[in-house]
């Protein structure tokens, strides 16, 4: 998997809670389905190289989050949802602010 990818893991009862289950939430002989997203990868490097990799990973995760929010908002706008137009505008503004911060540092003006 790559950072940001989604996957589905299905575990039969043999690999999960078995014949007993875990009542009341998990019935006996239940097949468990997990939907997961890889949020990041821990880097085992040392020193400045590790710091750079961690910052790059955090930046990439934030960018993926903004892209996903924008895609969801755009899909809702296509459906004609009025609240979605507001969400799309909010997502676009958040993306602009994030990009502005990357270009100019913190994005805040000093007095």
PDB file of N, CA and C in Angstrom:
ATOM      1  N   UNK A   1       0.841  -1.193   0.000  1.00  0.00           N
ATOM      2  CA  UNK A   1       0.000   0.000   0.000  1.00  0.00           C
ATOM      3  C   UNK A   1       0.875   1.241   0.000  1.00  0.00           C
ATOM      4  N   UNK A   2       0.286   2.318  -0.496  1.00  0.00           N
ATOM      5  CA  UNK A   2       0.929   3.618  -0.448  1.00  0.00           C
ATOM      6  C   UNK A   2       0.162   4.496   0.529  1.00  0.00           C
ATOM      7  N   UNK A   3       0.818   5.532   1.043  1.00  0.00           N
ATOM      8  CA  UNK A   3       0.157   6.457   1.957  1.00  0.00           C
ATOM      9  C   UNK A   3      -1.058   7.054   1.264  1.00  0.00           C
ATOM     10  N   UNK A   4      -2.203   7.013   1.946  1.00  0.00           N
ATOM     11  CA  UNK A   4      -3.442   7.543   1.401  1.00  0.00           C
ATOM     12  C   UNK A   4      -4.326   6.498   0.751  1.00  0.00           C
ATOM     13  N   UNK A   5      -3.791   5.310   0.475  1.00  0.00           N
ATOM     14  CA  UNK A   5      -4.588   4.255  -0.145  1.00  0.00           C
ATOM     15  C   UNK A   5      -5.543   3.626   0.854  1.00  0.00           C
ATOM     16  N   UNK A   6      -6.658   3.149   0.333  1.00  0.00           N
ATOM     17  CA  UNK A   6      -7.660   2.462   1.135  1.00  0.00           C
ATOM     18  C   UNK A   6      -7.619   0.977   0.813  1.00  0.00           C
ATOM     19  N   UNK A   7      -7.931   0.134   1.812  1.00  0.00           N
ATOM     20  CA  UNK A   7      -8.028  -1.294   1.550  1.00  0.00           C
ATOM     21  C   UNK A   7      -9.100  -1.897   2.448  1.00  0.00           C
ATOM     22  N   UNK A   8      -9.547  -3.067   2.083  1.00  0.00           N
ATOM     23  CA  UNK A   8     -10.532  -3.810   2.869  1.00  0.00           C
ATOM     24  C   UNK A   8      -9.905  -5.151   3.233  1.00  0.00           C
ATOM     25  N   UNK A   9      -9.929  -5.468   4.537  1.00  0.00           N
ATOM     26  CA  UNK A   9      -9.397  -6.733   5.042  1.00  0.00           C
ATOM     27  C   UNK A   9     -10.570  -7.524   5.608  1.00  0.00           C
ATOM     28  N   UNK A  10     -10.729  -8.760   5.138  1.00  0.00           N
ATOM     29  CA  UNK A  10     -11.815  -9.628   5.594  1.00  0.00           C
ATOM     30  C   UNK A  10     -11.201 -10.784   6.378  1.00  0.00           C
ATOM     31  N   UNK A  11     -11.653 -10.955   7.625  1.00  0.00           N
ATOM     32  CA  UNK A  11     -11.155 -12.023   8.497  1.00  0.00           C
ATOM     33  C   UNK A  11     -12.288 -12.974   8.815  1.00  0.00           C
ATOM     34  N   UNK A  12     -12.106 -14.242   8.468  1.00  0.00           N
ATOM     35  CA  UNK A  12     -13.113 -15.243   8.835  1.00  0.00           C
ATOM     36  C   UNK A  12     -13.051 -15.451  10.347  1.00  0.00           C
ATOM     37  N   UNK A  13     -14.053 -16.121  10.881  1.00  0.00           N
ATOM     38  CA  UNK A  13     -14.095 -16.328  12.332  1.00  0.00           C
ATOM     39  C   UNK A  13     -12.895 -17.125  12.829  1.00  0.00           C
ATOM     40  N   UNK A  14     -12.288 -17.936  11.958  1.00  0.00           N
ATOM     41  CA  UNK A  14     -11.098 -18.697  12.341  1.00  0.00           C
ATOM     42  C   UNK A  14      -9.950 -17.767  12.758  1.00  0.00           C
ATOM     43  N   UNK A  15      -9.874 -16.574  12.133  1.00  0.00           N
ATOM     44  CA  UNK A  15      -8.819 -15.621  12.428  1.00  0.00           C
ATOM     45  C   UNK A  15      -9.273 -14.538  13.397  1.00  0.00           C
ATOM     46  N   UNK A  16     -10.566 -14.482  13.684  1.00  0.00           N
ATOM     47  CA  UNK A  16     -11.111 -13.455  14.556  1.00  0.00           C
ATOM     48  C   UNK A  16     -11.459 -13.993  15.923  1.00  0.00           C
ATOM     49  N   UNK A  17     -12.735 -13.913  16.283  1.00  0.00           N
ATOM     50  CA  UNK A  17     -13.192 -14.299  17.610  1.00  0.00           C
ATOM     51  C   UNK A  17     -13.690 -15.745  17.690  1.00  0.00           C
ATOM     52  N   UNK A  18     -13.665 -16.460  16.582  1.00  0.00           N
ATOM     53  CA  UNK A  18     -14.000 -17.881  16.585  1.00  0.00           C
ATOM     54  C   UNK A  18     -15.474 -18.170  16.811  1.00  0.00           C
ATOM     55  N   UNK A  19     -15.735 -19.379  17.312  1.00  0.00           N
ATOM     56  CA  UNK A  19     -17.115 -19.821  17.528  1.00  0.00           C
ATOM     57  C   UNK A  19     -17.805 -19.043  18.638  1.00  0.00           C
ATOM     58  N   UNK A  20     -17.055 -18.515  19.584  1.00  0.00           N
ATOM     59  CA  UNK A  20     -17.650 -17.818  20.728  1.00  0.00           C
ATOM     60  C   UNK A  20     -18.069 -16.395  20.382  1.00  0.00           C
ATOM     61  N   UNK A  21     -17.328 -15.717  19.532  1.00  0.00           N
ATOM     62  CA  UNK A  21     -17.613 -14.312  19.253  1.00  0.00           C
ATOM     63  C   UNK A  21     -17.242 -13.467  20.458  1.00  0.00           C
ATOM     64  N   UNK A  22     -17.819 -12.287  20.560  1.00  0.00           N
ATOM     65  CA  UNK A  22     -17.635 -11.397  21.709  1.00  0.00           C
ATOM     66  C   UNK A  22     -18.938 -10.644  21.922  1.00  0.00           C
ATOM     67  N   UNK A  23     -19.970 -11.376  22.422  1.00  0.00           N
ATOM     68  CA  UNK A  23     -21.285 -10.766  22.593  1.00  0.00           C
ATOM     69  C   UNK A  23     -21.224  -9.549  23.509  1.00  0.00           C
ATOM     70  N   UNK A  24     -22.052  -8.542  23.334  1.00  0.00           N
ATOM     71  CA  UNK A  24     -23.123  -8.474  22.344  1.00  0.00           C
ATOM     72  C   UNK A  24     -22.682  -7.867  21.009  1.00  0.00           C
ATOM     73  N   UNK A  25     -21.465  -7.280  20.941  1.00  0.00           N
ATOM     74  CA  UNK A  25     -21.054  -6.591  19.709  1.00  0.00           C
ATOM     75  C   UNK A  25     -20.735  -7.546  18.558  1.00  0.00           C
ATOM     76  N   UNK A  26     -20.062  -8.649  18.856  1.00  0.00           N
ATOM     77  CA  UNK A  26     -19.623  -9.558  17.798  1.00  0.00           C
ATOM     78  C   UNK A  26     -20.278 -10.923  18.011  1.00  0.00           C
ATOM     79  N   UNK A  27     -21.154 -11.311  17.097  1.00  0.00           N
ATOM     80  CA  UNK A  27     -21.855 -12.589  17.256  1.00  0.00           C
ATOM     81  C   UNK A  27     -20.920 -13.783  17.008  1.00  0.00           C
ATOM     82  N   UNK A  28     -21.341 -14.979  17.433  1.00  0.00           N
ATOM     83  CA  UNK A  28     -20.537 -16.177  17.178  1.00  0.00           C
ATOM     84  C   UNK A  28     -20.305 -16.392  15.679  1.00  0.00           C
ATOM     85  N   UNK A  29     -19.112 -16.911  15.349  1.00  0.00           N
ATOM     86  CA  UNK A  29     -18.743 -17.236  13.969  1.00  0.00           C
ATOM     87  C   UNK A  29     -18.874 -16.043  13.010  1.00  0.00           C
ATOM     88  N   UNK A  30     -18.575 -14.850  13.500  1.00  0.00           N
ATOM     89  CA  UNK A  30     -18.707 -13.637  12.679  1.00  0.00           C
ATOM     90  C   UNK A  30     -17.501 -13.465  11.762  1.00  0.00           C
ATOM     91  N   UNK A  31     -17.771 -13.024  10.542  1.00  0.00           N
ATOM     92  CA  UNK A  31     -16.714 -12.627   9.627  1.00  0.00           C
ATOM     93  C   UNK A  31     -16.517 -11.127   9.813  1.00  0.00           C
ATOM     94  N   UNK A  32     -15.294 -10.705  10.103  1.00  0.00           N
ATOM     95  CA  UNK A  32     -14.993  -9.305  10.364  1.00  0.00           C
ATOM     96  C   UNK A  32     -14.455  -8.652   9.104  1.00  0.00           C
ATOM     97  N   UNK A  33     -14.946  -7.455   8.815  1.00  0.00           N
ATOM     98  CA  UNK A  33     -14.481  -6.688   7.661  1.00  0.00           C
ATOM     99  C   UNK A  33     -13.950  -5.355   8.163  1.00  0.00           C
ATOM    100  N   UNK A  34     -12.706  -5.057   7.839  1.00  0.00           N
ATOM    101  CA  UNK A  34     -12.074  -3.808   8.237  1.00  0.00           C
ATOM    102  C   UNK A  34     -11.774  -2.994   6.991  1.00  0.00           C
ATOM    103  N   UNK A  35     -12.147  -1.730   7.004  1.00  0.00           N
ATOM    104  CA  UNK A  35     -11.765  -0.808   5.933  1.00  0.00           C
ATOM    105  C   UNK A  35     -10.714   0.112   6.522  1.00  0.00           C
ATOM    106  N   UNK A  36      -9.532   0.144   5.888  1.00  0.00           N
ATOM    107  CA  UNK A  36      -8.403   0.874   6.447  1.00  0.00           C
ATOM    108  C   UNK A  36      -7.802   1.824   5.414  1.00  0.00           C
ATOM    109  N   UNK A  37      -7.212   2.889   5.941  1.00  0.00           N
ATOM    110  CA  UNK A  37      -6.472   3.834   5.121  1.00  0.00           C
ATOM    111  C   UNK A  37      -5.083   3.969   5.725  1.00  0.00           C
ATOM    112  N   UNK A  38      -4.055   3.841   4.906  1.00  0.00           N
ATOM    113  CA  UNK A  38      -2.689   4.001   5.384  1.00  0.00           C
ATOM    114  C   UNK A  38      -2.420   5.494   5.542  1.00  0.00           C
ATOM    115  N   UNK A  39      -2.255   5.926   6.772  1.00  0.00           N
ATOM    116  CA  UNK A  39      -2.080   7.342   7.070  1.00  0.00           C
ATOM    117  C   UNK A  39      -0.622   7.778   7.031  1.00  0.00           C
ATOM    118  N   UNK A  40       0.281   6.861   7.230  1.00  0.00           N
ATOM    119  CA  UNK A  40       1.691   7.225   7.219  1.00  0.00           C
ATOM    120  C   UNK A  40       2.556   6.007   7.432  1.00  0.00           C
ATOM    121  N   UNK A  41       3.838   6.233   7.303  1.00  0.00           N
ATOM    122  CA  UNK A  41       4.817   5.180   7.493  1.00  0.00           C
ATOM    123  C   UNK A  41       5.876   5.735   8.439  1.00  0.00           C
ATOM    124  N   UNK A  42       6.187   4.966   9.470  1.00  0.00           N
ATOM    125  CA  UNK A  42       7.195   5.416  10.422  1.00  0.00           C
ATOM    126  C   UNK A  42       8.571   5.213   9.808  1.00  0.00           C
ATOM    127  N   UNK A  43       9.352   6.246   9.824  1.00  0.00           N
ATOM    128  CA  UNK A  43      10.693   6.212   9.249  1.00  0.00           C
ATOM    129  C   UNK A  43      11.699   5.916  10.350  1.00  0.00           C
ATOM    130  N   UNK A  44      12.561   4.963  10.129  1.00  0.00           N
ATOM    131  CA  UNK A  44      13.537   4.574  11.137  1.00  0.00           C
ATOM    132  C   UNK A  44      14.905   5.214  10.894  1.00  0.00           C
ATOM    133  N   UNK A  45      14.956   6.281  10.114  1.00  0.00           N
ATOM    134  CA  UNK A  45      16.215   6.979   9.882  1.00  0.00           C
ATOM    135  C   UNK A  45      16.567   7.820  11.100  1.00  0.00           C
ATOM    136  N   UNK A  46      17.779   8.219  11.203  1.00  0.00           N
ATOM    137  CA  UNK A  46      18.243   9.031  12.335  1.00  0.00           C
ATOM    138  C   UNK A  46      18.671  10.411  11.843  1.00  0.00           C
ATOM    139  N   UNK A  47      18.564  11.389  12.709  1.00  0.00           N
ATOM    140  CA  UNK A  47      19.100  12.712  12.436  1.00  0.00           C
ATOM    141  C   UNK A  47      18.261  13.557  11.502  1.00  0.00           C
ATOM    142  N   UNK A  48      18.939  14.466  10.803  1.00  0.00           N
ATOM    143  CA  UNK A  48      18.267  15.443   9.944  1.00  0.00           C
ATOM    144  C   UNK A  48      17.501  14.781   8.814  1.00  0.00           C
ATOM    145  N   UNK A  49      18.023  13.675   8.293  1.00  0.00           N
ATOM    146  CA  UNK A  49      17.347  12.977   7.192  1.00  0.00           C
ATOM    147  C   UNK A  49      15.972  12.480   7.644  1.00  0.00           C
ATOM    148  N   UNK A  50      15.882  11.979   8.867  1.00  0.00           N
ATOM    149  CA  UNK A  50      14.601  11.500   9.405  1.00  0.00           C
ATOM    150  C   UNK A  50      13.633  12.658   9.593  1.00  0.00           C
ATOM    151  N   UNK A  51      14.111  13.796  10.085  1.00  0.00           N
ATOM    152  CA  UNK A  51      13.255  14.965  10.278  1.00  0.00           C
ATOM    153  C   UNK A  51      12.664  15.437   8.959  1.00  0.00           C
ATOM    154  N   UNK A  52      13.484  15.470   7.912  1.00  0.00           N
ATOM    155  CA  UNK A  52      13.025  15.892   6.590  1.00  0.00           C
ATOM    156  C   UNK A  52      11.967  14.938   6.063  1.00  0.00           C
ATOM    157  N   UNK A  53      12.201  13.632   6.212  1.00  0.00           N
ATOM    158  CA  UNK A  53      11.244  12.637   5.732  1.00  0.00           C
ATOM    159  C   UNK A  53       9.910  12.765   6.468  1.00  0.00           C
ATOM    160  N   UNK A  54       9.955  12.964   7.771  1.00  0.00           N
ATOM    161  CA  UNK A  54       8.731  13.110   8.560  1.00  0.00           C
ATOM    162  C   UNK A  54       7.950  14.348   8.133  1.00  0.00           C
ATOM    163  N   UNK A  55       8.625  15.449   7.912  1.00  0.00           N
ATOM    164  CA  UNK A  55       7.947  16.682   7.466  1.00  0.00           C
ATOM    165  C   UNK A  55       7.321  16.481   6.089  1.00  0.00           C
ATOM    166  N   UNK A  56       8.064  15.837   5.187  1.00  0.00           N
ATOM    167  CA  UNK A  56       7.533  15.580   3.848  1.00  0.00           C
ATOM    168  C   UNK A  56       6.297  14.686   3.916  1.00  0.00           C
ATOM    169  N   UNK A  57       6.336  13.667   4.770  1.00  0.00           N
ATOM    170  CA  UNK A  57       5.199  12.759   4.923  1.00  0.00           C
ATOM    171  C   UNK A  57       3.996  13.500   5.486  1.00  0.00           C
ATOM    172  N   UNK A  58       4.212  14.330   6.499  1.00  0.00           N
ATOM    173  CA  UNK A  58       3.112  15.098   7.089  1.00  0.00           C
ATOM    174  C   UNK A  58       2.498  16.038   6.060  1.00  0.00           C
ATOM    175  N   UNK A  59       3.350  16.691   5.259  1.00  0.00           N
ATOM    176  CA  UNK A  59       2.861  17.594   4.212  1.00  0.00           C
ATOM    177  C   UNK A  59       2.025  16.835   3.181  1.00  0.00           C
ATOM    178  N   UNK A  60       2.509  15.659   2.799  1.00  0.00           N
ATOM    179  CA  UNK A  60       1.801  14.842   1.801  1.00  0.00           C
ATOM    180  C   UNK A  60       0.461  14.361   2.344  1.00  0.00           C
ATOM    181  N   UNK A  61       0.422  13.958   3.614  1.00  0.00           N
ATOM    182  CA  UNK A  61      -0.847  13.536   4.225  1.00  0.00           C
ATOM    183  C   UNK A  61      -1.855  14.675   4.260  1.00  0.00           C
ATOM    184  N   UNK A  62      -1.399  15.862   4.605  1.00  0.00           N
ATOM    185  CA  UNK A  62      -2.303  17.017   4.640  1.00  0.00           C
ATOM    186  C   UNK A  62      -2.831  17.320   3.236  1.00  0.00           C
ATOM    187  N   UNK A  63      -1.963  17.220   2.238  1.00  0.00           N
ATOM    188  CA  UNK A  63      -2.385  17.454   0.856  1.00  0.00           C
ATOM    189  C   UNK A  63      -3.412  16.424   0.417  1.00  0.00           C
ATOM    190  N   UNK A  64      -3.199  15.142   0.762  1.00  0.00           N
ATOM    191  CA  UNK A  64      -4.161  14.087   0.425  1.00  0.00           C
ATOM    192  C   UNK A  64      -5.512  14.354   1.085  1.00  0.00           C
ATOM    193  N   UNK A  65      -5.481  14.792   2.342  1.00  0.00           N
ATOM    194  CA  UNK A  65      -6.726  15.101   3.057  1.00  0.00           C
ATOM    195  C   UNK A  65      -7.482  16.219   2.350  1.00  0.00           C
ATOM    196  N   UNK A  66      -6.775  17.279   1.963  1.00  0.00           N
ATOM    197  CA  UNK A  66      -7.423  18.392   1.267  1.00  0.00           C
ATOM    198  C   UNK A  66      -7.993  17.953  -0.076  1.00  0.00           C
ATOM    199  N   UNK A  67      -7.229  17.130  -0.810  1.00  0.00           N
ATOM    200  CA  UNK A  67      -7.705  16.648  -2.104  1.00  0.00           C
ATOM    201  C   UNK A  67      -8.967  15.811  -1.941  1.00  0.00           C
ATOM    202  N   UNK A  68      -8.999  14.940  -0.929  1.00  0.00           N
ATOM    203  CA  UNK A  68     -10.163  14.085  -0.696  1.00  0.00           C
ATOM    204  C   UNK A  68     -11.380  14.926  -0.312  1.00  0.00           C
ATOM    205  N   UNK A  69     -11.189  15.942   0.541  1.00  0.00           N
ATOM    206  CA  UNK A  69     -12.292  16.830   0.915  1.00  0.00           C
ATOM    207  C   UNK A  69     -12.839  17.550  -0.316  1.00  0.00           C
ATOM    208  N   UNK A  70     -11.931  18.011  -1.180  1.00  0.00           N
ATOM    209  CA  UNK A  70     -12.360  18.710  -2.388  1.00  0.00           C
ATOM    210  C   UNK A  70     -13.144  17.780  -3.314  1.00  0.00           C
ATOM    211  N   UNK A  71     -12.679  16.533  -3.481  1.00  0.00           N
ATOM    212  CA  UNK A  71     -13.377  15.579  -4.341  1.00  0.00           C
ATOM    213  C   UNK A  71     -14.775  15.277  -3.822  1.00  0.00           C
ATOM    214  N   UNK A  72     -14.901  15.096  -2.511  1.00  0.00           N
ATOM    215  CA  UNK A  72     -16.212  14.822  -1.916  1.00  0.00           C
ATOM    216  C   UNK A  72     -17.138  16.023  -2.115  1.00  0.00           C
ATOM    217  N   UNK A  73     -16.602  17.217  -1.892  1.00  0.00           N
ATOM    218  CA  UNK A  73     -17.408  18.421  -2.053  1.00  0.00           C
ATOM    219  C   UNK A  73     -17.838  18.614  -3.510  1.00  0.00           C
ATOM    220  N   UNK A  74     -16.934  18.373  -4.440  1.00  0.00           N
ATOM    221  CA  UNK A  74     -17.271  18.522  -5.858  1.00  0.00           C
ATOM    222  C   UNK A  74     -18.347  17.527  -6.280  1.00  0.00           C
ATOM    223  N   UNK A  75     -18.264  16.303  -5.776  1.00  0.00           N
ATOM    224  CA  UNK A  75     -19.268  15.297  -6.106  1.00  0.00           C
ATOM    225  C   UNK A  75     -20.634  15.711  -5.570  1.00  0.00           C
ATOM    226  N   UNK A  76     -20.662  16.271  -4.383  1.00  0.00           N
ATOM    227  CA  UNK A  76     -21.934  16.719  -3.806  1.00  0.00           C
ATOM    228  C   UNK A  76     -22.497  17.905  -4.584  1.00  0.00           C
ATOM    229  N   UNK A  77     -21.624  18.795  -5.045  1.00  0.00           N
ATOM    230  CA  UNK A  77     -22.083  19.942  -5.841  1.00  0.00           C
ATOM    231  C   UNK A  77     -22.719  19.453  -7.135  1.00  0.00           C
ATOM    232  N   UNK A  78     -22.118  18.434  -7.744  1.00  0.00           N
ATOM    233  CA  UNK A  78     -22.677  17.873  -8.972  1.00  0.00           C
ATOM    234  C   UNK A  78     -24.074  17.309  -8.744  1.00  0.00           C
ATOM    235  N   UNK A  79     -24.321  16.819  -7.531  1.00  0.00           N
ATOM    236  CA  UNK A  79     -25.659  16.317  -7.200  1.00  0.00           C
ATOM    237  C   UNK A  79     -26.639  17.455  -6.947  1.00  0.00           C
ATOM    238  N   UNK A  80     -26.143  18.693  -6.837  1.00  0.00           N
ATOM    239  CA  UNK A  80     -27.012  19.847  -6.647  1.00  0.00           C
ATOM    240  C   UNK A  80     -27.310  20.163  -5.194  1.00  0.00           C
ATOM    241  N   UNK A  81     -26.512  19.679  -4.283  1.00  0.00           N
ATOM    242  CA  UNK A  81     -26.718  19.896  -2.860  1.00  0.00           C
ATOM    243  C   UNK A  81     -26.251  21.307  -2.488  1.00  0.00           C
ATOM    244  N   UNK A  82     -27.144  22.136  -1.935  1.00  0.00           N
ATOM    245  CA  UNK A  82     -26.802  23.516  -1.577  1.00  0.00           C
ATOM    246  C   UNK A  82     -25.751  23.552  -0.473  1.00  0.00           C
ATOM    247  N   UNK A  83     -25.875  22.691   0.518  1.00  0.00           N
ATOM    248  CA  UNK A  83     -24.889  22.654   1.601  1.00  0.00           C
ATOM    249  C   UNK A  83     -23.528  22.233   1.061  1.00  0.00           C
ATOM    250  N   UNK A  84     -23.543  21.442   0.001  1.00  0.00           N
ATOM    251  CA  UNK A  84     -22.291  20.981  -0.588  1.00  0.00           C
ATOM    252  C   UNK A  84     -21.532  22.130  -1.229  1.00  0.00           C
ATOM    253  N   UNK A  85     -22.255  23.089  -1.797  1.00  0.00           N
ATOM    254  CA  UNK A  85     -21.576  24.248  -2.394  1.00  0.00           C
ATOM    255  C   UNK A  85     -20.794  24.999  -1.315  1.00  0.00           C
ATOM    256  N   UNK A  86     -21.396  25.119  -0.139  1.00  0.00           N
ATOM    257  CA  UNK A  86     -20.722  25.778   0.973  1.00  0.00           C
ATOM    258  C   UNK A  86     -19.498  24.973   1.400  1.00  0.00           C
ATOM    259  N   UNK A  87     -19.639  23.644   1.473  1.00  0.00           N
ATOM    260  CA  UNK A  87     -18.518  22.783   1.847  1.00  0.00           C
ATOM    261  C   UNK A  87     -17.401  22.859   0.810  1.00  0.00           C
ATOM    262  N   UNK A  88     -17.771  22.944  -0.460  1.00  0.00           N
ATOM    263  CA  UNK A  88     -16.773  23.036  -1.526  1.00  0.00           C
ATOM    264  C   UNK A  88     -15.992  24.342  -1.409  1.00  0.00           C
ATOM    265  N   UNK A  89     -16.691  25.422  -1.123  1.00  0.00           N
ATOM    266  CA  UNK A  89     -16.022  26.706  -0.959  1.00  0.00           C
ATOM    267  C   UNK A  89     -15.076  26.662   0.245  1.00  0.00           C
ATOM    268  N   UNK A  90     -15.527  26.022   1.319  1.00  0.00           N
ATOM    269  CA  UNK A  90     -14.699  25.900   2.515  1.00  0.00           C
ATOM    270  C   UNK A  90     -13.449  25.066   2.230  1.00  0.00           C
ATOM    271  N   UNK A  91     -13.608  23.955   1.511  1.00  0.00           N
ATOM    272  CA  UNK A  91     -12.472  23.099   1.172  1.00  0.00           C
ATOM    273  C   UNK A  91     -11.485  23.843   0.276  1.00  0.00           C
ATOM    274  N   UNK A  92     -11.998  24.607  -0.677  1.00  0.00           N
ATOM    275  CA  UNK A  92     -11.125  25.370  -1.573  1.00  0.00           C
ATOM    276  C   UNK A  92     -10.348  26.428  -0.792  1.00  0.00           C
ATOM    277  N   UNK A  93     -11.022  27.091   0.161  1.00  0.00           N
ATOM    278  CA  UNK A  93     -10.347  28.095   0.975  1.00  0.00           C
ATOM    279  C   UNK A  93      -9.256  27.454   1.833  1.00  0.00           C
ATOM    280  N   UNK A  94      -9.552  26.289   2.415  1.00  0.00           N
ATOM    281  CA  UNK A  94      -8.559  25.589   3.231  1.00  0.00           C
ATOM    282  C   UNK A  94      -7.350  25.196   2.391  1.00  0.00           C
ATOM    283  N   UNK A  95      -7.596  24.767   1.171  1.00  0.00           N
ATOM    284  CA  UNK A  95      -6.497  24.379   0.288  1.00  0.00           C
ATOM    285  C   UNK A  95      -5.647  25.592  -0.085  1.00  0.00           C
ATOM    286  N   UNK A  96      -6.312  26.714  -0.356  1.00  0.00           N
ATOM    287  CA  UNK A  96      -5.558  27.940  -0.677  1.00  0.00           C
ATOM    288  C   UNK A  96      -4.686  28.362   0.496  1.00  0.00           C
ATOM    289  N   UNK A  97      -5.242  28.300   1.707  1.00  0.00           N
ATOM    290  CA  UNK A  97      -4.467  28.668   2.895  1.00  0.00           C
ATOM    291  C   UNK A  97      -3.284  27.730   3.095  1.00  0.00           C
ATOM    292  N   UNK A  98      -3.503  26.440   2.893  1.00  0.00           N
ATOM    293  CA  UNK A  98      -2.412  25.478   3.049  1.00  0.00           C
ATOM    294  C   UNK A  98      -1.309  25.751   2.036  1.00  0.00           C
ATOM    295  N   UNK A  99      -1.690  26.030   0.804  1.00  0.00           N
ATOM    296  CA  UNK A  99      -0.695  26.314  -0.235  1.00  0.00           C
ATOM    297  C   UNK A  99       0.032  27.617   0.052  1.00  0.00           C
ATOM    298  N   UNK A 100      -0.690  28.604   0.554  1.00  0.00           N
ATOM    299  CA  UNK A 100      -0.077  29.886   0.884  1.00  0.00           C
ATOM    300  C   UNK A 100       0.953  29.704   1.995  1.00  0.00           C
ATOM    301  N   UNK A 101       0.615  28.886   2.995  1.00  0.00           N
ATOM    302  CA  UNK A 101       1.530  28.627   4.096  1.00  0.00           C
ATOM    303  C   UNK A 101       2.794  27.924   3.646  1.00  0.00           C
ATOM    304  N   UNK A 102       2.679  27.037   2.658  1.00  0.00           N
ATOM    305  CA  UNK A 102       3.850  26.315   2.158  1.00  0.00           C
ATOM    306  C   UNK A 102       4.773  27.245   1.385  1.00  0.00           C
ATOM    307  N   UNK A 103       4.202  28.209   0.688  1.00  0.00           N
ATOM    308  CA  UNK A 103       5.007  29.104  -0.132  1.00  0.00           C
ATOM    309  C   UNK A 103       5.709  30.174   0.696  1.00  0.00           C
ATOM    310  N   UNK A 104       5.008  30.690   1.731  1.00  0.00           N
ATOM    311  CA  UNK A 104       5.535  31.826   2.467  1.00  0.00           C
ATOM    312  C   UNK A 104       5.886  31.496   3.910  1.00  0.00           C
ATOM    313  N   UNK A 105       5.924  30.240   4.277  1.00  0.00           N
ATOM    314  CA  UNK A 105       6.225  29.897   5.659  1.00  0.00           C
ATOM    315  C   UNK A 105       4.942  29.669   6.426  1.00  0.00           C
ATOM    316  N   UNK A 106       4.722  30.440   7.481  1.00  0.00           N
ATOM    317  CA  UNK A 106       3.555  30.211   8.322  1.00  0.00           C
ATOM    318  C   UNK A 106       2.290  30.811   7.737  1.00  0.00           C
ATOM    319  N   UNK A 107       2.407  31.785   6.840  1.00  0.00           N
ATOM    320  CA  UNK A 107       1.223  32.398   6.258  1.00  0.00           C
ATOM    321  C   UNK A 107       0.663  33.516   7.094  1.00  0.00           C
ATOM    322  N   UNK A 108       1.291  33.817   8.266  1.00  0.00           N
ATOM    323  CA  UNK A 108       0.816  34.888   9.138  1.00  0.00           C
ATOM    324  C   UNK A 108       1.697  36.120   8.952  1.00  0.00           C
ATOM    325  N   UNK A 109       1.073  37.290   9.021  1.00  0.00           N
ATOM    326  CA  UNK A 109       1.806  38.533   8.906  1.00  0.00           C
ATOM    327  C   UNK A 109       2.248  38.987  10.293  1.00  0.00           C
ATOM    328  N   UNK A 110       3.435  39.513  10.379  1.00  0.00           N
ATOM    329  CA  UNK A 110       3.939  40.060  11.647  1.00  0.00           C
ATOM    330  C   UNK A 110       3.621  41.548  11.700  1.00  0.00           C
ATOM    331  N   UNK A 111       3.280  42.006  12.904  1.00  0.00           N
ATOM    332  CA  UNK A 111       2.958  43.439  13.075  1.00  0.00           C
ATOM    333  C   UNK A 111       4.176  44.191  13.542  1.00  0.00           C
TER     334      UNK A 111
END
